[in-house]
Amino acid sequence: MPAGNGSPCRTRVKRRVDVRIDLPALSTNKLFQGRKHRSYHYKVFRKKVFTILREELRETYKLNGNLALCMTVGFSSKLSDLSNSIKAIEDILCEYLGFDDRQIVKIELYKYIVPKGEEYMDITISKTRKNIDMRKR
């Protein structure tokens, strides 16, 4: 699908860049040549998130089919990179809730700057009817 008029990413900004790169996306595994190891910080973060999920999500969820992930992140630093915040929490949610991150076909991310000590992540995972099969029939 061309990035121009038919692109699902539409914006109200008058100046925009539409580009199509005819290369397959590079997986995180290929970026690190299969040598991805959980750091100490990641292990601590994972344990804290699991504790919060156990407290907050008391019912059982059956997540199948195409999913949409919406995440609002409150950072205390303007230098924080929004896109770096998604992979760890996505992997933890997949592991905890028992779905595969391949099922996520739509992602919405929002960044807000908040006072130090008030950082947060609001996360919504929902089923979506978005069809990801763009092959010609």
N, C-alpha and C. Protein backbone atom coordinates (compact mmCIF):
# COMPACT_ATOMS: atom_id res chain seq x y z
N MET A 1 0.85 -1.17 0.00
CA MET A 1 0.00 0.00 0.00
C MET A 1 0.90 1.23 0.00
N PRO A 2 0.69 2.17 -0.91
CA PRO A 2 1.53 3.35 -0.93
C PRO A 2 1.32 4.20 0.30
N ALA A 3 2.36 4.90 0.69
CA ALA A 3 2.29 5.72 1.90
C ALA A 3 1.50 6.99 1.68
N GLY A 4 1.20 7.34 0.46
CA GLY A 4 0.50 8.59 0.17
C GLY A 4 -0.94 8.61 0.66
N ASN A 5 -1.87 8.78 -0.27
CA ASN A 5 -3.29 8.95 0.08
C ASN A 5 -3.91 7.73 0.75
N GLY A 6 -3.47 6.53 0.41
CA GLY A 6 -4.07 5.32 0.95
C GLY A 6 -3.52 4.92 2.30
N SER A 7 -2.62 5.69 2.86
CA SER A 7 -1.97 5.32 4.12
C SER A 7 -2.95 5.37 5.28
N PRO A 8 -2.89 4.37 6.17
CA PRO A 8 -3.75 4.41 7.35
C PRO A 8 -3.32 5.47 8.35
N CYS A 9 -2.13 6.02 8.19
CA CYS A 9 -1.62 7.06 9.11
C CYS A 9 -1.96 8.41 8.53
N ARG A 10 -3.02 8.99 9.02
CA ARG A 10 -3.43 10.31 8.54
C ARG A 10 -3.23 11.32 9.64
N THR A 11 -2.94 12.54 9.25
CA THR A 11 -2.67 13.58 10.23
C THR A 11 -3.26 14.89 9.75
N ARG A 12 -3.51 15.80 10.67
CA ARG A 12 -4.03 17.10 10.31
C ARG A 12 -2.90 18.10 10.08
N VAL A 13 -1.69 17.70 10.34
CA VAL A 13 -0.54 18.58 10.15
C VAL A 13 -0.40 18.84 8.65
N LYS A 14 -0.21 20.12 8.29
CA LYS A 14 -0.12 20.48 6.88
C LYS A 14 1.17 19.97 6.27
N ARG A 15 2.25 20.03 7.01
CA ARG A 15 3.51 19.52 6.51
C ARG A 15 3.69 18.12 7.05
N ARG A 16 3.80 17.18 6.18
CA ARG A 16 3.99 15.81 6.62
C ARG A 16 4.92 15.10 5.65
N VAL A 17 5.49 14.04 6.12
CA VAL A 17 6.39 13.24 5.30
C VAL A 17 5.73 11.90 5.07
N ASP A 18 5.55 11.54 3.83
CA ASP A 18 5.02 10.23 3.46
C ASP A 18 6.13 9.50 2.73
N VAL A 19 6.50 8.37 3.25
CA VAL A 19 7.57 7.61 2.62
C VAL A 19 7.26 6.13 2.69
N ARG A 20 7.64 5.42 1.68
CA ARG A 20 7.52 3.96 1.68
C ARG A 20 8.91 3.39 1.51
N ILE A 21 9.29 2.51 2.41
CA ILE A 21 10.60 1.86 2.35
C ILE A 21 10.36 0.40 2.01
N ASP A 22 10.78 0.01 0.84
CA ASP A 22 10.53 -1.36 0.38
C ASP A 22 11.58 -2.32 0.90
N LEU A 23 11.61 -2.47 2.20
CA LEU A 23 12.48 -3.43 2.89
C LEU A 23 11.67 -4.09 3.98
N PRO A 24 11.92 -5.36 4.29
CA PRO A 24 11.21 -5.97 5.41
C PRO A 24 11.67 -5.36 6.73
N ALA A 25 10.76 -5.26 7.69
CA ALA A 25 11.11 -4.73 9.01
C ALA A 25 12.12 -5.66 9.68
N LEU A 26 13.03 -5.08 10.41
CA LEU A 26 14.06 -5.86 11.10
C LEU A 26 13.60 -6.16 12.51
N SER A 27 13.61 -7.43 12.88
CA SER A 27 13.15 -7.82 14.21
C SER A 27 14.19 -7.47 15.26
N THR A 28 13.74 -7.33 16.50
CA THR A 28 14.66 -7.06 17.61
C THR A 28 15.66 -8.18 17.76
N ASN A 29 15.24 -9.42 17.52
CA ASN A 29 16.16 -10.56 17.60
C ASN A 29 17.31 -10.41 16.61
N LYS A 30 17.00 -9.94 15.42
CA LYS A 30 18.06 -9.76 14.43
C LYS A 30 18.96 -8.58 14.79
N LEU A 31 18.41 -7.60 15.46
CA LEU A 31 19.24 -6.47 15.89
C LEU A 31 20.34 -6.91 16.84
N PHE A 32 20.02 -7.87 17.68
CA PHE A 32 20.97 -8.30 18.71
C PHE A 32 21.53 -9.69 18.44
N GLN A 33 21.31 -10.25 17.26
CA GLN A 33 21.83 -11.54 16.85
C GLN A 33 21.52 -12.65 17.85
N GLY A 34 20.32 -12.62 18.42
CA GLY A 34 19.89 -13.68 19.33
C GLY A 34 20.56 -13.63 20.69
N ARG A 35 21.27 -12.58 21.01
CA ARG A 35 21.98 -12.50 22.28
C ARG A 35 21.29 -11.55 23.26
N LYS A 36 19.99 -11.53 23.19
CA LYS A 36 19.23 -10.67 24.08
C LYS A 36 19.17 -11.31 25.46
N HIS A 37 19.67 -10.62 26.44
CA HIS A 37 19.60 -11.11 27.81
C HIS A 37 18.91 -10.06 28.66
N ARG A 38 18.09 -10.51 29.59
CA ARG A 38 17.41 -9.58 30.48
C ARG A 38 18.42 -8.95 31.43
N SER A 39 18.39 -7.64 31.49
CA SER A 39 19.28 -6.93 32.41
C SER A 39 18.70 -6.99 33.82
N TYR A 40 19.49 -6.61 34.77
CA TYR A 40 19.03 -6.55 36.16
C TYR A 40 17.85 -5.60 36.27
N HIS A 41 17.94 -4.43 35.61
CA HIS A 41 16.86 -3.44 35.67
C HIS A 41 15.56 -3.99 35.06
N TYR A 42 15.70 -4.73 33.97
CA TYR A 42 14.53 -5.33 33.34
C TYR A 42 13.89 -6.38 34.25
N LYS A 43 14.70 -7.20 34.91
CA LYS A 43 14.18 -8.22 35.82
C LYS A 43 13.42 -7.58 36.98
N VAL A 44 13.97 -6.52 37.55
CA VAL A 44 13.30 -5.81 38.65
C VAL A 44 12.00 -5.19 38.16
N PHE A 45 12.03 -4.53 37.00
CA PHE A 45 10.85 -3.91 36.41
C PHE A 45 9.77 -4.96 36.16
N ARG A 46 10.16 -6.10 35.57
CA ARG A 46 9.23 -7.18 35.27
C ARG A 46 8.54 -7.68 36.53
N LYS A 47 9.32 -7.87 37.59
CA LYS A 47 8.77 -8.35 38.85
C LYS A 47 7.76 -7.34 39.43
N LYS A 48 8.08 -6.05 39.36
CA LYS A 48 7.16 -5.01 39.86
C LYS A 48 5.88 -4.97 39.04
N VAL A 49 6.01 -5.07 37.72
CA VAL A 49 4.83 -5.04 36.85
C VAL A 49 3.95 -6.26 37.11
N PHE A 50 4.56 -7.45 37.26
CA PHE A 50 3.80 -8.65 37.56
C PHE A 50 3.01 -8.48 38.86
N THR A 51 3.62 -7.90 39.87
CA THR A 51 2.94 -7.66 41.15
C THR A 51 1.74 -6.75 40.95
N ILE A 52 1.92 -5.67 40.20
CA ILE A 52 0.82 -4.73 39.94
C ILE A 52 -0.29 -5.42 39.15
N LEU A 53 0.09 -6.20 38.14
CA LEU A 53 -0.91 -6.90 37.33
C LEU A 53 -1.72 -7.89 38.17
N ARG A 54 -1.05 -8.60 39.09
CA ARG A 54 -1.77 -9.54 39.97
C ARG A 54 -2.80 -8.81 40.83
N GLU A 55 -2.47 -7.60 41.27
CA GLU A 55 -3.38 -6.82 42.11
C GLU A 55 -4.51 -6.21 41.29
N GLU A 56 -4.18 -5.71 40.09
CA GLU A 56 -5.15 -4.98 39.29
C GLU A 56 -6.06 -5.88 38.45
N LEU A 57 -5.50 -6.96 37.92
CA LEU A 57 -6.26 -7.82 37.01
C LEU A 57 -6.61 -9.13 37.70
N ARG A 58 -7.71 -9.12 38.42
CA ARG A 58 -8.10 -10.30 39.18
C ARG A 58 -8.89 -11.31 38.35
N GLU A 59 -9.49 -10.85 37.25
CA GLU A 59 -10.26 -11.78 36.44
C GLU A 59 -9.40 -12.36 35.31
N THR A 60 -9.86 -13.43 34.70
CA THR A 60 -9.13 -14.08 33.62
C THR A 60 -9.56 -13.47 32.29
N TYR A 61 -8.59 -13.19 31.46
CA TYR A 61 -8.88 -12.62 30.15
C TYR A 61 -8.50 -13.61 29.07
N LYS A 62 -9.33 -13.70 28.04
CA LYS A 62 -9.01 -14.53 26.89
C LYS A 62 -8.84 -13.59 25.71
N LEU A 63 -7.58 -13.34 25.37
CA LEU A 63 -7.29 -12.41 24.30
C LEU A 63 -6.85 -13.20 23.07
N ASN A 64 -7.72 -13.21 22.06
CA ASN A 64 -7.36 -13.89 20.81
C ASN A 64 -7.73 -13.00 19.65
N GLY A 65 -7.24 -13.35 18.49
CA GLY A 65 -7.50 -12.53 17.31
C GLY A 65 -6.62 -11.30 17.28
N ASN A 66 -7.00 -10.34 16.44
CA ASN A 66 -6.23 -9.11 16.31
C ASN A 66 -6.48 -8.20 17.50
N LEU A 67 -5.40 -7.62 18.02
CA LEU A 67 -5.49 -6.77 19.20
C LEU A 67 -4.95 -5.37 18.92
N ALA A 68 -5.48 -4.40 19.66
CA ALA A 68 -5.00 -3.03 19.61
C ALA A 68 -4.43 -2.68 20.97
N LEU A 69 -3.28 -2.03 20.98
CA LEU A 69 -2.63 -1.60 22.22
C LEU A 69 -2.60 -0.09 22.23
N CYS A 70 -3.16 0.49 23.28
CA CYS A 70 -3.13 1.93 23.45
C CYS A 70 -2.40 2.22 24.76
N MET A 71 -1.38 3.06 24.69
CA MET A 71 -0.55 3.31 25.85
C MET A 71 -0.29 4.80 26.00
N THR A 72 -0.58 5.32 27.18
CA THR A 72 -0.26 6.69 27.53
C THR A 72 0.83 6.63 28.58
N VAL A 73 1.93 7.31 28.33
CA VAL A 73 3.07 7.24 29.23
C VAL A 73 3.38 8.64 29.75
N GLY A 74 3.48 8.73 31.06
CA GLY A 74 3.87 9.98 31.70
C GLY A 74 5.34 9.92 32.08
N PHE A 75 6.16 10.73 31.44
CA PHE A 75 7.59 10.80 31.72
C PHE A 75 7.89 12.06 32.52
N SER A 76 8.91 12.00 33.35
CA SER A 76 9.33 13.20 34.06
C SER A 76 10.42 13.94 33.29
N SER A 77 10.95 13.34 32.25
CA SER A 77 11.99 13.98 31.46
C SER A 77 11.53 14.15 30.02
N LYS A 78 11.75 15.34 29.49
CA LYS A 78 11.41 15.60 28.09
C LYS A 78 12.32 14.81 27.15
N LEU A 79 13.44 14.33 27.65
CA LEU A 79 14.39 13.59 26.84
C LEU A 79 14.01 12.12 26.67
N SER A 80 13.00 11.65 27.41
CA SER A 80 12.59 10.24 27.34
C SER A 80 12.04 9.92 25.96
N ASP A 81 12.40 8.75 25.47
CA ASP A 81 12.01 8.29 24.15
C ASP A 81 10.77 7.41 24.25
N LEU A 82 9.67 7.85 23.68
CA LEU A 82 8.40 7.14 23.78
C LEU A 82 8.48 5.74 23.18
N SER A 83 9.11 5.61 22.04
CA SER A 83 9.14 4.30 21.38
C SER A 83 9.93 3.26 22.18
N ASN A 84 10.90 3.69 22.97
CA ASN A 84 11.66 2.74 23.79
C ASN A 84 10.83 2.18 24.94
N SER A 85 9.75 2.83 25.28
CA SER A 85 8.95 2.40 26.43
C SER A 85 8.04 1.23 26.12
N ILE A 86 7.86 0.90 24.86
CA ILE A 86 6.82 -0.06 24.52
C ILE A 86 7.26 -1.53 24.57
N LYS A 87 8.44 -1.88 24.13
CA LYS A 87 8.80 -3.29 23.95
C LYS A 87 8.80 -4.07 25.26
N ALA A 88 9.40 -3.52 26.30
CA ALA A 88 9.46 -4.25 27.57
C ALA A 88 8.07 -4.50 28.13
N ILE A 89 7.23 -3.47 28.16
CA ILE A 89 5.90 -3.63 28.75
C ILE A 89 5.04 -4.54 27.86
N GLU A 90 5.23 -4.46 26.55
CA GLU A 90 4.49 -5.34 25.63
C GLU A 90 4.85 -6.81 25.90
N ASP A 91 6.12 -7.10 26.04
CA ASP A 91 6.55 -8.47 26.31
C ASP A 91 6.03 -8.97 27.66
N ILE A 92 6.05 -8.11 28.66
CA ILE A 92 5.57 -8.50 29.99
C ILE A 92 4.07 -8.77 29.96
N LEU A 93 3.30 -7.92 29.29
CA LEU A 93 1.86 -8.12 29.18
C LEU A 93 1.54 -9.41 28.44
N CYS A 94 2.28 -9.68 27.37
CA CYS A 94 2.07 -10.92 26.61
C CYS A 94 2.33 -12.13 27.48
N GLU A 95 3.41 -12.09 28.23
CA GLU A 95 3.74 -13.22 29.10
C GLU A 95 2.71 -13.39 30.20
N TYR A 96 2.29 -12.30 30.81
CA TYR A 96 1.34 -12.38 31.92
C TYR A 96 -0.06 -12.79 31.46
N LEU A 97 -0.52 -12.19 30.36
CA LEU A 97 -1.89 -12.42 29.91
C LEU A 97 -2.01 -13.59 28.94
N GLY A 98 -0.89 -14.15 28.50
CA GLY A 98 -0.93 -15.36 27.70
C GLY A 98 -1.32 -15.17 26.25
N PHE A 99 -0.94 -14.07 25.64
CA PHE A 99 -1.15 -13.91 24.20
C PHE A 99 0.20 -13.63 23.55
N ASP A 100 0.22 -13.67 22.23
CA ASP A 100 1.46 -13.47 21.49
C ASP A 100 1.49 -12.05 20.94
N ASP A 101 2.64 -11.40 21.01
CA ASP A 101 2.70 -10.02 20.54
C ASP A 101 2.49 -9.90 19.03
N ARG A 102 2.51 -11.02 18.31
CA ARG A 102 2.16 -10.99 16.89
C ARG A 102 0.70 -10.61 16.69
N GLN A 103 -0.13 -10.81 17.71
CA GLN A 103 -1.55 -10.49 17.61
C GLN A 103 -1.81 -8.98 17.64
N ILE A 104 -0.86 -8.19 18.10
CA ILE A 104 -1.05 -6.74 18.16
C ILE A 104 -0.84 -6.17 16.76
N VAL A 105 -1.92 -5.63 16.20
CA VAL A 105 -1.87 -5.10 14.84
C VAL A 105 -2.03 -3.58 14.81
N LYS A 106 -2.33 -3.00 15.95
CA LYS A 106 -2.52 -1.55 16.02
C LYS A 106 -1.96 -1.05 17.34
N ILE A 107 -1.16 0.02 17.27
CA ILE A 107 -0.57 0.60 18.48
C ILE A 107 -0.77 2.10 18.45
N GLU A 108 -1.28 2.63 19.56
CA GLU A 108 -1.38 4.08 19.75
C GLU A 108 -0.54 4.43 20.97
N LEU A 109 0.35 5.40 20.82
CA LEU A 109 1.22 5.82 21.91
C LEU A 109 1.07 7.31 22.14
N TYR A 110 1.02 7.69 23.40
CA TYR A 110 0.91 9.09 23.77
C TYR A 110 1.91 9.39 24.88
N LYS A 111 2.56 10.53 24.78
CA LYS A 111 3.58 10.91 25.76
C LYS A 111 3.16 12.21 26.44
N TYR A 112 3.26 12.21 27.77
CA TYR A 112 3.01 13.42 28.56
C TYR A 112 4.19 13.63 29.51
N ILE A 113 4.48 14.87 29.80
CA ILE A 113 5.52 15.20 30.77
C ILE A 113 4.82 15.50 32.09
N VAL A 114 5.27 14.81 33.13
CA VAL A 114 4.67 14.94 34.46
C VAL A 114 5.77 15.26 35.47
N PRO A 115 5.41 15.72 36.68
CA PRO A 115 6.43 15.99 37.69
C PRO A 115 7.17 14.71 38.09
N LYS A 116 8.41 14.87 38.50
CA LYS A 116 9.24 13.74 38.93
C LYS A 116 8.53 13.01 40.08
N GLY A 117 8.51 11.70 40.02
CA GLY A 117 7.84 10.88 41.02
C GLY A 117 6.40 10.54 40.67
N GLU A 118 5.86 11.16 39.61
CA GLU A 118 4.48 10.90 39.20
C GLU A 118 4.42 10.19 37.84
N GLU A 119 5.49 9.51 37.45
CA GLU A 119 5.53 8.80 36.19
C GLU A 119 4.49 7.67 36.19
N TYR A 120 3.96 7.35 35.01
CA TYR A 120 2.93 6.31 34.93
C TYR A 120 2.86 5.73 33.53
N MET A 121 2.13 4.63 33.41
CA MET A 121 1.77 4.03 32.12
C MET A 121 0.31 3.61 32.22
N ASP A 122 -0.53 4.15 31.38
CA ASP A 122 -1.92 3.70 31.25
C ASP A 122 -1.98 2.83 30.01
N ILE A 123 -2.47 1.61 30.16
CA ILE A 123 -2.43 0.64 29.07
C ILE A 123 -3.82 0.08 28.83
N THR A 124 -4.21 0.03 27.58
CA THR A 124 -5.46 -0.60 27.18
C THR A 124 -5.17 -1.59 26.06
N ILE A 125 -5.65 -2.80 26.22
CA ILE A 125 -5.55 -3.80 25.17
C ILE A 125 -6.97 -4.21 24.82
N SER A 126 -7.30 -4.13 23.55
CA SER A 126 -8.65 -4.48 23.14
C SER A 126 -8.62 -5.22 21.81
N LYS A 127 -9.70 -5.93 21.54
CA LYS A 127 -9.82 -6.61 20.25
C LYS A 127 -10.09 -5.55 19.20
N THR A 128 -9.58 -5.80 18.00
CA THR A 128 -9.83 -4.88 16.89
C THR A 128 -10.22 -5.70 15.67
N ARG A 129 -10.98 -5.08 14.82
CA ARG A 129 -11.40 -5.75 13.59
C ARG A 129 -10.45 -5.44 12.44
N LYS A 130 -9.38 -4.75 12.72
CA LYS A 130 -8.43 -4.36 11.67
C LYS A 130 -7.92 -5.59 10.94
N ASN A 131 -8.04 -5.55 9.63
CA ASN A 131 -7.59 -6.65 8.79
C ASN A 131 -6.13 -6.38 8.40
N ILE A 132 -5.24 -7.30 8.72
CA ILE A 132 -3.83 -7.08 8.43
C ILE A 132 -3.38 -7.80 7.16
N ASP A 133 -4.27 -8.53 6.53
CA ASP A 133 -3.90 -9.25 5.33
C ASP A 133 -4.06 -8.33 4.13
N MET A 134 -2.95 -7.77 3.65
CA MET A 134 -2.99 -6.82 2.54
C MET A 134 -2.59 -7.48 1.22
N ARG A 135 -2.50 -8.82 1.22
CA ARG A 135 -2.13 -9.51 -0.02
C ARG A 135 -3.21 -9.36 -1.07
N LYS A 136 -2.80 -9.28 -2.30
CA LYS A 136 -3.77 -9.19 -3.40
C LYS A 136 -4.41 -10.55 -3.58
N ARG A 137 -5.69 -10.54 -3.82
CA ARG A 137 -6.42 -11.81 -3.99
C ARG A 137 -6.76 -12.05 -5.42
